[in-house]
Structures are given as structure tokens and as C-alpha cells.
Amino acid sequence: MNSVGEACTELKREYDQCFNRWFAEKFLKGENAGDPCGQLFKRYQLCVQKAIKEKDIPIEGLEFMGPSKGKAENAS
């Protein structure tokens, strides 16, 4: 799947490959120390943030990480 910004797609692929390799070769074998893909993720995240601004995509009110506050209240 491509990224939200065309310029970010290659960074996304690099991060996905790094994460999948770490997950399969380390994490699933109990070696979960360290963050070998953190720098790639930060570069990709910055690229996506820039693309969102350039495309004027409204993101107000969205939570990208963690559970939403009041989610249970709104789930009627």
C-alpha cells in the first residue's frame, strides 16, 4: 500500500521491511529489546506530517496513538 504522500512511499516500504524483519527475527523469538526501526519511523512520520499539511487534509480531533478518551461513552 502506498503512503498518503507519494514522496513518503519509499520510506514507508523501508520502515515496513525493517519492522517485519525485526518482528519475525527478534520479537517472536523473545528478543524485544531495542528499537532498530525507530529512526526510519521518525523519518516516515515527518514525511507523512508534511504531506498531510501540503494536501490540506483535516486531522483535527483524530487520535493516532492509543485509545480515544470517552470512547466507551460514544459507543452506543
N, C-alpha and C. Protein backbone atom coordinates (compact mmCIF):
# COMPACT_ATOMS: atom_id res chain seq x y z
N MET A 1 0.84 -1.17 0.00
CA MET A 1 0.00 0.00 0.00
C MET A 1 0.89 1.24 0.00
N ASN A 2 0.54 2.21 -0.80
CA ASN A 2 1.30 3.45 -0.86
C ASN A 2 0.99 4.34 0.33
N SER A 3 1.86 5.29 0.54
CA SER A 3 1.69 6.23 1.64
C SER A 3 0.77 7.36 1.21
N VAL A 4 0.35 8.16 2.17
CA VAL A 4 -0.51 9.32 1.91
C VAL A 4 0.19 10.32 0.99
N GLY A 5 1.50 10.39 1.08
CA GLY A 5 2.27 11.27 0.21
C GLY A 5 3.17 10.45 -0.68
N GLU A 6 3.15 10.73 -1.97
CA GLU A 6 3.95 9.95 -2.92
C GLU A 6 5.43 9.94 -2.53
N ALA A 7 5.92 11.05 -2.02
CA ALA A 7 7.33 11.14 -1.62
C ALA A 7 7.63 10.25 -0.41
N CYS A 8 6.61 9.83 0.31
CA CYS A 8 6.80 9.03 1.53
C CYS A 8 6.72 7.53 1.28
N THR A 9 6.31 7.12 0.12
CA THR A 9 6.07 5.71 -0.15
C THR A 9 7.32 4.86 0.05
N GLU A 10 8.46 5.31 -0.43
CA GLU A 10 9.70 4.53 -0.28
C GLU A 10 10.09 4.43 1.19
N LEU A 11 9.93 5.52 1.95
CA LEU A 11 10.22 5.47 3.38
C LEU A 11 9.29 4.48 4.08
N LYS A 12 8.02 4.44 3.67
CA LYS A 12 7.07 3.50 4.24
C LYS A 12 7.52 2.07 3.96
N ARG A 13 7.94 1.80 2.76
CA ARG A 13 8.39 0.44 2.42
C ARG A 13 9.63 0.06 3.24
N GLU A 14 10.56 0.99 3.38
CA GLU A 14 11.77 0.71 4.18
C GLU A 14 11.39 0.41 5.62
N TYR A 15 10.50 1.23 6.19
CA TYR A 15 10.09 1.01 7.57
C TYR A 15 9.35 -0.32 7.71
N ASP A 16 8.42 -0.59 6.80
CA ASP A 16 7.67 -1.85 6.85
C ASP A 16 8.60 -3.06 6.80
N GLN A 17 9.60 -3.00 5.93
CA GLN A 17 10.56 -4.11 5.82
C GLN A 17 11.35 -4.26 7.12
N CYS A 18 11.80 -3.15 7.67
CA CYS A 18 12.57 -3.19 8.91
C CYS A 18 11.72 -3.77 10.04
N PHE A 19 10.49 -3.27 10.18
CA PHE A 19 9.61 -3.73 11.24
C PHE A 19 9.31 -5.22 11.09
N ASN A 20 8.95 -5.64 9.87
CA ASN A 20 8.60 -7.05 9.65
C ASN A 20 9.79 -7.96 9.94
N ARG A 21 10.98 -7.53 9.56
CA ARG A 21 12.19 -8.32 9.83
C ARG A 21 12.42 -8.42 11.33
N TRP A 22 12.34 -7.28 12.04
CA TRP A 22 12.52 -7.26 13.49
C TRP A 22 11.47 -8.14 14.17
N PHE A 23 10.22 -8.00 13.75
CA PHE A 23 9.13 -8.75 14.37
C PHE A 23 9.35 -10.25 14.21
N ALA A 24 9.68 -10.69 13.01
CA ALA A 24 9.83 -12.12 12.74
C ALA A 24 11.12 -12.70 13.32
N GLU A 25 12.21 -11.94 13.21
CA GLU A 25 13.51 -12.49 13.61
C GLU A 25 13.88 -12.24 15.07
N LYS A 26 13.28 -11.25 15.69
CA LYS A 26 13.64 -10.91 17.08
C LYS A 26 12.45 -11.05 18.03
N PHE A 27 11.42 -10.24 17.80
CA PHE A 27 10.31 -10.15 18.74
C PHE A 27 9.65 -11.50 18.97
N LEU A 28 9.33 -12.23 17.92
CA LEU A 28 8.66 -13.52 18.07
C LEU A 28 9.54 -14.56 18.75
N LYS A 29 10.83 -14.29 18.81
CA LYS A 29 11.76 -15.20 19.48
C LYS A 29 12.10 -14.71 20.88
N GLY A 30 11.38 -13.68 21.35
CA GLY A 30 11.57 -13.20 22.70
C GLY A 30 12.62 -12.12 22.85
N GLU A 31 13.22 -11.68 21.78
CA GLU A 31 14.24 -10.63 21.82
C GLU A 31 13.58 -9.30 21.47
N ASN A 32 13.00 -8.66 22.46
CA ASN A 32 12.26 -7.43 22.17
C ASN A 32 12.95 -6.17 22.69
N ALA A 33 14.21 -6.26 23.01
CA ALA A 33 14.95 -5.08 23.49
C ALA A 33 15.37 -4.22 22.30
N GLY A 34 15.37 -2.94 22.51
CA GLY A 34 15.83 -2.02 21.48
C GLY A 34 14.74 -1.64 20.49
N ASP A 35 15.08 -0.68 19.65
CA ASP A 35 14.15 -0.18 18.65
C ASP A 35 14.93 0.06 17.36
N PRO A 36 15.20 -1.01 16.60
CA PRO A 36 16.06 -0.88 15.43
C PRO A 36 15.43 -0.07 14.29
N CYS A 37 14.13 0.14 14.32
CA CYS A 37 13.46 0.83 13.22
C CYS A 37 12.98 2.23 13.61
N GLY A 38 13.30 2.66 14.80
CA GLY A 38 12.81 3.94 15.31
C GLY A 38 13.17 5.13 14.46
N GLN A 39 14.40 5.19 14.00
CA GLN A 39 14.82 6.33 13.17
C GLN A 39 14.08 6.34 11.84
N LEU A 40 13.91 5.17 11.24
CA LEU A 40 13.15 5.09 9.99
C LEU A 40 11.70 5.55 10.21
N PHE A 41 11.12 5.12 11.33
CA PHE A 41 9.75 5.52 11.62
C PHE A 41 9.65 7.03 11.78
N LYS A 42 10.59 7.64 12.47
CA LYS A 42 10.56 9.10 12.67
C LYS A 42 10.65 9.84 11.33
N ARG A 43 11.53 9.36 10.44
CA ARG A 43 11.66 9.98 9.12
C ARG A 43 10.36 9.84 8.33
N TYR A 44 9.76 8.66 8.38
CA TYR A 44 8.50 8.42 7.68
C TYR A 44 7.39 9.29 8.28
N GLN A 45 7.33 9.36 9.60
CA GLN A 45 6.30 10.15 10.28
C GLN A 45 6.40 11.62 9.87
N LEU A 46 7.60 12.16 9.84
CA LEU A 46 7.77 13.56 9.44
C LEU A 46 7.32 13.78 8.00
N CYS A 47 7.64 12.84 7.13
CA CYS A 47 7.24 12.92 5.74
C CYS A 47 5.72 12.93 5.62
N VAL A 48 5.05 12.05 6.35
CA VAL A 48 3.59 11.96 6.32
C VAL A 48 2.97 13.25 6.86
N GLN A 49 3.53 13.78 7.94
CA GLN A 49 3.00 15.02 8.50
C GLN A 49 3.10 16.16 7.49
N LYS A 50 4.21 16.21 6.77
CA LYS A 50 4.40 17.24 5.75
C LYS A 50 3.39 17.06 4.62
N ALA A 51 3.19 15.81 4.18
CA ALA A 51 2.23 15.53 3.11
C ALA A 51 0.81 15.90 3.52
N ILE A 52 0.46 15.64 4.77
CA ILE A 52 -0.87 15.99 5.27
C ILE A 52 -1.08 17.49 5.21
N LYS A 53 -0.06 18.24 5.61
CA LYS A 53 -0.16 19.71 5.55
C LYS A 53 -0.26 20.19 4.12
N GLU A 54 0.58 19.65 3.23
CA GLU A 54 0.58 20.07 1.83
C GLU A 54 -0.74 19.76 1.14
N LYS A 55 -1.36 18.64 1.49
CA LYS A 55 -2.63 18.25 0.87
C LYS A 55 -3.83 18.84 1.60
N ASP A 56 -3.56 19.57 2.67
CA ASP A 56 -4.60 20.20 3.47
C ASP A 56 -5.66 19.19 3.91
N ILE A 57 -5.19 18.06 4.42
CA ILE A 57 -6.08 17.01 4.92
C ILE A 57 -6.46 17.35 6.36
N PRO A 58 -7.75 17.49 6.65
CA PRO A 58 -8.16 17.84 8.01
C PRO A 58 -7.95 16.65 8.95
N ILE A 59 -7.23 16.90 10.05
CA ILE A 59 -6.96 15.83 11.01
C ILE A 59 -7.37 16.22 12.42
N GLU A 60 -8.05 17.35 12.57
CA GLU A 60 -8.47 17.79 13.90
C GLU A 60 -9.38 16.74 14.52
N GLY A 61 -9.14 16.44 15.79
CA GLY A 61 -9.97 15.50 16.52
C GLY A 61 -9.58 14.04 16.37
N LEU A 62 -8.60 13.75 15.53
CA LEU A 62 -8.16 12.36 15.37
C LEU A 62 -7.05 12.05 16.34
N GLU A 63 -7.10 10.86 16.90
CA GLU A 63 -6.02 10.39 17.76
C GLU A 63 -5.30 9.29 17.03
N PHE A 64 -4.00 9.45 16.85
CA PHE A 64 -3.22 8.49 16.09
C PHE A 64 -2.65 7.38 16.95
N MET A 65 -2.46 7.61 18.21
CA MET A 65 -1.85 6.61 19.07
C MET A 65 -2.68 6.47 20.33
N GLY A 66 -2.96 5.25 20.71
CA GLY A 66 -3.64 5.00 21.97
C GLY A 66 -5.15 5.07 21.84
N PRO A 67 -5.82 4.64 22.88
CA PRO A 67 -7.29 4.63 22.87
C PRO A 67 -7.85 6.04 22.94
N SER A 68 -9.02 6.21 22.37
CA SER A 68 -9.69 7.52 22.41
C SER A 68 -10.30 7.74 23.77
N LYS A 69 -10.19 8.96 24.26
CA LYS A 69 -10.83 9.29 25.54
C LYS A 69 -12.33 9.35 25.33
N GLY A 70 -13.06 8.78 26.23
CA GLY A 70 -14.52 8.80 26.14
C GLY A 70 -15.08 7.86 25.09
N LYS A 71 -14.27 6.95 24.61
CA LYS A 71 -14.72 6.04 23.56
C LYS A 71 -15.92 5.21 24.01
N ALA A 72 -15.89 4.73 25.23
CA ALA A 72 -17.00 3.92 25.75
C ALA A 72 -18.28 4.74 25.82
N GLU A 73 -18.15 6.03 26.11
CA GLU A 73 -19.31 6.89 26.21
C GLU A 73 -19.98 7.07 24.85
N ASN A 74 -19.18 7.14 23.79
CA ASN A 74 -19.70 7.39 22.45
C ASN A 74 -20.12 6.11 21.73
N ALA A 75 -19.87 4.97 22.29
CA ALA A 75 -20.15 3.69 21.62
C ALA A 75 -21.53 3.17 21.98
N SER A 76 -22.57 3.92 21.64
CA SER A 76 -23.91 3.47 21.95
C SER A 76 -24.56 2.80 20.78
